[in-house]
Amino acid sequence: MALNLAQTVLGYLKVRPDEKLTARQIAEWIFATFPEECQAKKQSSQYVSTDAQLVQQLVAEISSQRPRLQKRHPELKTTEGRPRKYYFSEKSDIAEVAAAE
């Protein structure tokens, strides 16, 4: 079974509303939760040979999919600073700002 990274990230954040996580934290959770899919991804890649490289690859893929994911799912939000933190919120952007103040 292939791992659908976008759905996995969105599902993980959906069950943890308002919890802010970095792409690395999400990638490490994916690596721990889906070991077979991750090993299959590592085997099929010619550039990834270690677990650390695989986690870094997952971080890069999560980060690169962010703009597309946010267009499709406006409830997926990120913080501005580095490292970006991803979170799921049903609140509008205006409500988010009001809650922060």
N, C-alpha and C. Protein backbone atom coordinates (compact mmCIF):
# COMPACT_ATOMS: atom_id res chain seq x y z
N MET A 1 0.84 -1.19 0.00
CA MET A 1 0.00 0.00 0.00
C MET A 1 0.88 1.25 0.00
N ALA A 2 0.66 2.11 -0.93
CA ALA A 2 1.43 3.35 -1.01
C ALA A 2 0.88 4.37 -0.01
N LEU A 3 1.75 5.16 0.48
CA LEU A 3 1.40 6.18 1.47
C LEU A 3 0.97 7.46 0.76
N ASN A 4 -0.26 7.91 1.04
CA ASN A 4 -0.72 9.19 0.49
C ASN A 4 -0.36 10.25 1.53
N LEU A 5 0.72 10.95 1.28
CA LEU A 5 1.27 11.88 2.26
C LEU A 5 0.30 13.01 2.59
N ALA A 6 -0.33 13.58 1.59
CA ALA A 6 -1.24 14.71 1.82
C ALA A 6 -2.40 14.30 2.72
N GLN A 7 -3.04 13.18 2.42
CA GLN A 7 -4.16 12.71 3.24
C GLN A 7 -3.71 12.34 4.64
N THR A 8 -2.53 11.74 4.75
CA THR A 8 -2.01 11.34 6.05
C THR A 8 -1.75 12.55 6.93
N VAL A 9 -1.10 13.57 6.37
CA VAL A 9 -0.81 14.79 7.13
C VAL A 9 -2.10 15.46 7.56
N LEU A 10 -3.03 15.61 6.64
CA LEU A 10 -4.30 16.27 6.95
C LEU A 10 -5.07 15.49 8.02
N GLY A 11 -5.12 14.17 7.88
CA GLY A 11 -5.81 13.34 8.87
C GLY A 11 -5.18 13.44 10.25
N TYR A 12 -3.86 13.45 10.30
CA TYR A 12 -3.15 13.54 11.57
C TYR A 12 -3.43 14.87 12.27
N LEU A 13 -3.40 15.95 11.51
CA LEU A 13 -3.66 17.27 12.10
C LEU A 13 -5.13 17.45 12.47
N LYS A 14 -6.02 16.80 11.72
CA LYS A 14 -7.46 16.92 11.97
C LYS A 14 -7.84 16.34 13.34
N VAL A 15 -7.17 15.26 13.74
CA VAL A 15 -7.49 14.65 15.04
C VAL A 15 -6.79 15.38 16.18
N ARG A 16 -5.95 16.35 15.86
CA ARG A 16 -5.26 17.17 16.85
C ARG A 16 -5.51 18.65 16.54
N PRO A 17 -6.77 19.11 16.63
CA PRO A 17 -7.05 20.50 16.25
C PRO A 17 -6.30 21.48 17.15
N ASP A 18 -5.80 22.52 16.53
CA ASP A 18 -5.09 23.61 17.20
C ASP A 18 -3.75 23.21 17.82
N GLU A 19 -3.30 21.96 17.62
CA GLU A 19 -1.96 21.56 18.08
C GLU A 19 -0.98 21.89 16.95
N LYS A 20 0.02 22.71 17.26
CA LYS A 20 0.95 23.17 16.22
C LYS A 20 2.17 22.25 16.18
N LEU A 21 2.43 21.68 15.00
CA LEU A 21 3.52 20.73 14.81
C LEU A 21 4.37 21.14 13.62
N THR A 22 5.67 20.90 13.72
CA THR A 22 6.57 21.18 12.59
C THR A 22 6.48 20.03 11.59
N ALA A 23 6.97 20.28 10.39
CA ALA A 23 6.98 19.23 9.35
C ALA A 23 7.84 18.05 9.83
N ARG A 24 8.91 18.33 10.57
CA ARG A 24 9.76 17.25 11.09
C ARG A 24 8.99 16.39 12.09
N GLN A 25 8.23 17.00 12.98
CA GLN A 25 7.45 16.23 13.95
C GLN A 25 6.43 15.35 13.23
N ILE A 26 5.80 15.89 12.21
CA ILE A 26 4.83 15.11 11.45
C ILE A 26 5.53 13.97 10.71
N ALA A 27 6.68 14.26 10.11
CA ALA A 27 7.44 13.23 9.38
C ALA A 27 7.89 12.12 10.32
N GLU A 28 8.33 12.47 11.51
CA GLU A 28 8.75 11.45 12.48
C GLU A 28 7.58 10.58 12.91
N TRP A 29 6.39 11.20 13.06
CA TRP A 29 5.20 10.42 13.39
C TRP A 29 4.86 9.47 12.25
N ILE A 30 4.92 9.94 11.01
CA ILE A 30 4.63 9.09 9.85
C ILE A 30 5.61 7.93 9.81
N PHE A 31 6.89 8.21 10.04
CA PHE A 31 7.92 7.17 10.03
C PHE A 31 7.64 6.10 11.10
N ALA A 32 7.20 6.53 12.28
CA ALA A 32 6.92 5.59 13.37
C ALA A 32 5.60 4.83 13.16
N THR A 33 4.63 5.48 12.55
CA THR A 33 3.29 4.90 12.40
C THR A 33 3.15 4.01 11.18
N PHE A 34 3.87 4.32 10.12
CA PHE A 34 3.76 3.57 8.87
C PHE A 34 5.12 2.99 8.46
N PRO A 35 5.68 2.07 9.26
CA PRO A 35 7.03 1.57 8.97
C PRO A 35 7.13 0.82 7.65
N GLU A 36 6.11 0.03 7.30
CA GLU A 36 6.19 -0.74 6.05
C GLU A 36 6.18 0.17 4.83
N GLU A 37 5.30 1.16 4.83
CA GLU A 37 5.22 2.09 3.70
C GLU A 37 6.51 2.90 3.58
N CYS A 38 7.07 3.28 4.74
CA CYS A 38 8.32 4.05 4.72
C CYS A 38 9.49 3.21 4.20
N GLN A 39 9.55 1.95 4.61
CA GLN A 39 10.63 1.08 4.12
C GLN A 39 10.48 0.84 2.61
N ALA A 40 9.24 0.70 2.15
CA ALA A 40 9.01 0.53 0.72
C ALA A 40 9.45 1.78 -0.04
N LYS A 41 9.18 2.95 0.52
CA LYS A 41 9.60 4.21 -0.11
C LYS A 41 11.13 4.28 -0.15
N LYS A 42 11.77 3.86 0.92
CA LYS A 42 13.24 3.88 0.98
C LYS A 42 13.82 2.90 -0.04
N GLN A 43 13.22 1.73 -0.18
CA GLN A 43 13.71 0.73 -1.13
C GLN A 43 13.57 1.21 -2.57
N SER A 44 12.50 1.93 -2.86
CA SER A 44 12.25 2.35 -4.24
C SER A 44 13.04 3.60 -4.64
N SER A 45 13.65 4.26 -3.66
CA SER A 45 14.39 5.49 -3.95
C SER A 45 15.86 5.18 -4.21
N GLN A 46 16.41 5.86 -5.19
CA GLN A 46 17.84 5.68 -5.46
C GLN A 46 18.68 6.68 -4.68
N TYR A 47 18.05 7.68 -4.06
CA TYR A 47 18.78 8.70 -3.32
C TYR A 47 18.72 8.53 -1.81
N VAL A 48 17.70 7.84 -1.32
CA VAL A 48 17.51 7.67 0.12
C VAL A 48 17.99 6.29 0.52
N SER A 49 18.98 6.26 1.43
CA SER A 49 19.50 4.95 1.85
C SER A 49 19.44 4.74 3.35
N THR A 50 19.22 5.80 4.14
CA THR A 50 19.14 5.64 5.59
C THR A 50 17.79 6.15 6.09
N ASP A 51 17.46 5.77 7.33
CA ASP A 51 16.20 6.23 7.92
C ASP A 51 16.21 7.75 8.11
N ALA A 52 17.36 8.31 8.49
CA ALA A 52 17.45 9.76 8.68
C ALA A 52 17.20 10.50 7.36
N GLN A 53 17.74 9.96 6.27
CA GLN A 53 17.50 10.57 4.95
C GLN A 53 16.03 10.46 4.57
N LEU A 54 15.40 9.35 4.93
CA LEU A 54 13.98 9.17 4.62
C LEU A 54 13.13 10.18 5.38
N VAL A 55 13.42 10.38 6.66
CA VAL A 55 12.66 11.37 7.44
C VAL A 55 12.86 12.76 6.84
N GLN A 56 14.09 13.09 6.44
CA GLN A 56 14.35 14.38 5.82
C GLN A 56 13.59 14.52 4.50
N GLN A 57 13.49 13.44 3.73
CA GLN A 57 12.73 13.44 2.48
C GLN A 57 11.25 13.69 2.76
N LEU A 58 10.72 13.05 3.80
CA LEU A 58 9.31 13.28 4.18
C LEU A 58 9.10 14.73 4.58
N VAL A 59 10.02 15.31 5.34
CA VAL A 59 9.92 16.72 5.73
C VAL A 59 9.86 17.60 4.49
N ALA A 60 10.74 17.34 3.53
CA ALA A 60 10.78 18.13 2.29
C ALA A 60 9.47 17.98 1.51
N GLU A 61 8.93 16.78 1.45
CA GLU A 61 7.68 16.56 0.70
C GLU A 61 6.50 17.24 1.39
N ILE A 62 6.45 17.18 2.72
CA ILE A 62 5.37 17.85 3.45
C ILE A 62 5.44 19.35 3.18
N SER A 63 6.64 19.91 3.27
CA SER A 63 6.82 21.35 3.05
C SER A 63 6.46 21.76 1.62
N SER A 64 6.84 20.93 0.66
CA SER A 64 6.57 21.29 -0.74
C SER A 64 5.09 21.18 -1.08
N GLN A 65 4.34 20.34 -0.37
CA GLN A 65 2.91 20.18 -0.65
C GLN A 65 2.05 21.20 0.09
N ARG A 66 2.65 21.98 0.97
CA ARG A 66 1.89 22.94 1.79
C ARG A 66 1.02 23.89 0.98
N PRO A 67 1.52 24.60 -0.04
CA PRO A 67 0.65 25.55 -0.76
C PRO A 67 -0.56 24.87 -1.40
N ARG A 68 -0.34 23.72 -2.02
CA ARG A 68 -1.44 23.00 -2.68
C ARG A 68 -2.45 22.50 -1.64
N LEU A 69 -1.95 21.99 -0.53
CA LEU A 69 -2.84 21.50 0.52
C LEU A 69 -3.68 22.63 1.11
N GLN A 70 -3.06 23.79 1.30
CA GLN A 70 -3.79 24.91 1.89
C GLN A 70 -4.85 25.46 0.94
N LYS A 71 -4.62 25.37 -0.37
CA LYS A 71 -5.64 25.79 -1.33
C LYS A 71 -6.85 24.86 -1.27
N ARG A 72 -6.57 23.56 -1.20
CA ARG A 72 -7.65 22.57 -1.17
C ARG A 72 -8.36 22.51 0.18
N HIS A 73 -7.61 22.74 1.25
CA HIS A 73 -8.14 22.62 2.61
C HIS A 73 -7.81 23.88 3.40
N PRO A 74 -8.66 24.90 3.31
CA PRO A 74 -8.35 26.17 3.99
C PRO A 74 -8.26 26.04 5.51
N GLU A 75 -8.76 24.95 6.07
CA GLU A 75 -8.65 24.77 7.52
C GLU A 75 -7.25 24.31 7.95
N LEU A 76 -6.40 23.96 6.99
CA LEU A 76 -5.00 23.66 7.27
C LEU A 76 -4.25 24.99 7.30
N LYS A 77 -3.65 25.29 8.44
CA LYS A 77 -2.99 26.58 8.61
C LYS A 77 -1.53 26.36 9.01
N THR A 78 -0.73 27.40 8.79
CA THR A 78 0.66 27.36 9.21
C THR A 78 1.02 28.67 9.89
N THR A 79 2.06 28.61 10.73
CA THR A 79 2.57 29.83 11.35
C THR A 79 3.55 30.48 10.37
N GLU A 80 3.86 31.74 10.61
CA GLU A 80 4.72 32.49 9.69
C GLU A 80 6.20 32.19 9.87
N GLY A 81 6.70 32.15 11.11
CA GLY A 81 8.13 32.03 11.35
C GLY A 81 8.71 30.68 10.96
N ARG A 82 10.02 30.58 11.08
CA ARG A 82 10.71 29.32 10.80
C ARG A 82 11.07 28.65 12.10
N PRO A 83 10.94 27.39 12.27
CA PRO A 83 10.29 26.49 11.32
C PRO A 83 8.78 26.70 11.33
N ARG A 84 8.18 26.52 10.18
CA ARG A 84 6.72 26.62 10.08
C ARG A 84 6.08 25.54 10.94
N LYS A 85 4.98 25.91 11.57
CA LYS A 85 4.21 24.92 12.32
C LYS A 85 2.87 24.76 11.64
N TYR A 86 2.48 23.53 11.46
CA TYR A 86 1.23 23.19 10.79
C TYR A 86 0.17 22.87 11.84
N TYR A 87 -1.06 23.30 11.58
CA TYR A 87 -2.15 22.95 12.48
C TYR A 87 -3.47 23.00 11.73
N PHE A 88 -4.49 22.39 12.34
CA PHE A 88 -5.82 22.31 11.74
C PHE A 88 -6.75 23.16 12.58
N SER A 89 -7.48 24.05 11.96
CA SER A 89 -8.41 24.91 12.68
C SER A 89 -9.62 25.22 11.81
N GLU A 90 -10.78 25.10 12.41
CA GLU A 90 -12.03 25.43 11.71
C GLU A 90 -12.29 26.94 11.73
N LYS A 91 -11.56 27.68 12.57
CA LYS A 91 -11.78 29.13 12.72
C LYS A 91 -11.32 29.86 11.45
N SER A 92 -11.93 30.99 11.19
CA SER A 92 -11.50 31.82 10.07
C SER A 92 -10.21 32.54 10.48
N ASP A 93 -9.53 33.14 9.52
CA ASP A 93 -8.29 33.86 9.81
C ASP A 93 -8.55 35.02 10.78
N ILE A 94 -9.68 35.69 10.62
CA ILE A 94 -10.02 36.82 11.49
C ILE A 94 -10.24 36.32 12.92
N ALA A 95 -10.93 35.20 13.05
CA ALA A 95 -11.15 34.63 14.39
C ALA A 95 -9.85 34.17 15.02
N GLU A 96 -8.93 33.67 14.21
CA GLU A 96 -7.60 33.24 14.70
C GLU A 96 -6.87 34.44 15.31
N VAL A 97 -6.86 35.57 14.60
CA VAL A 97 -6.18 36.76 15.07
C VAL A 97 -6.84 37.26 16.35
N ALA A 98 -8.15 37.30 16.39
CA ALA A 98 -8.87 37.74 17.58
C ALA A 98 -8.55 36.85 18.78
N ALA A 99 -8.47 35.56 18.57
CA ALA A 99 -8.17 34.62 19.65
C ALA A 99 -6.75 34.82 20.16
N ALA A 100 -5.83 35.15 19.25
CA ALA A 100 -4.43 35.35 19.65
C ALA A 100 -4.25 36.61 20.48
N GLU A 101 -5.08 37.61 20.21
CA GLU A 101 -4.98 38.87 20.95
C GLU A 101 -5.80 38.76 22.20
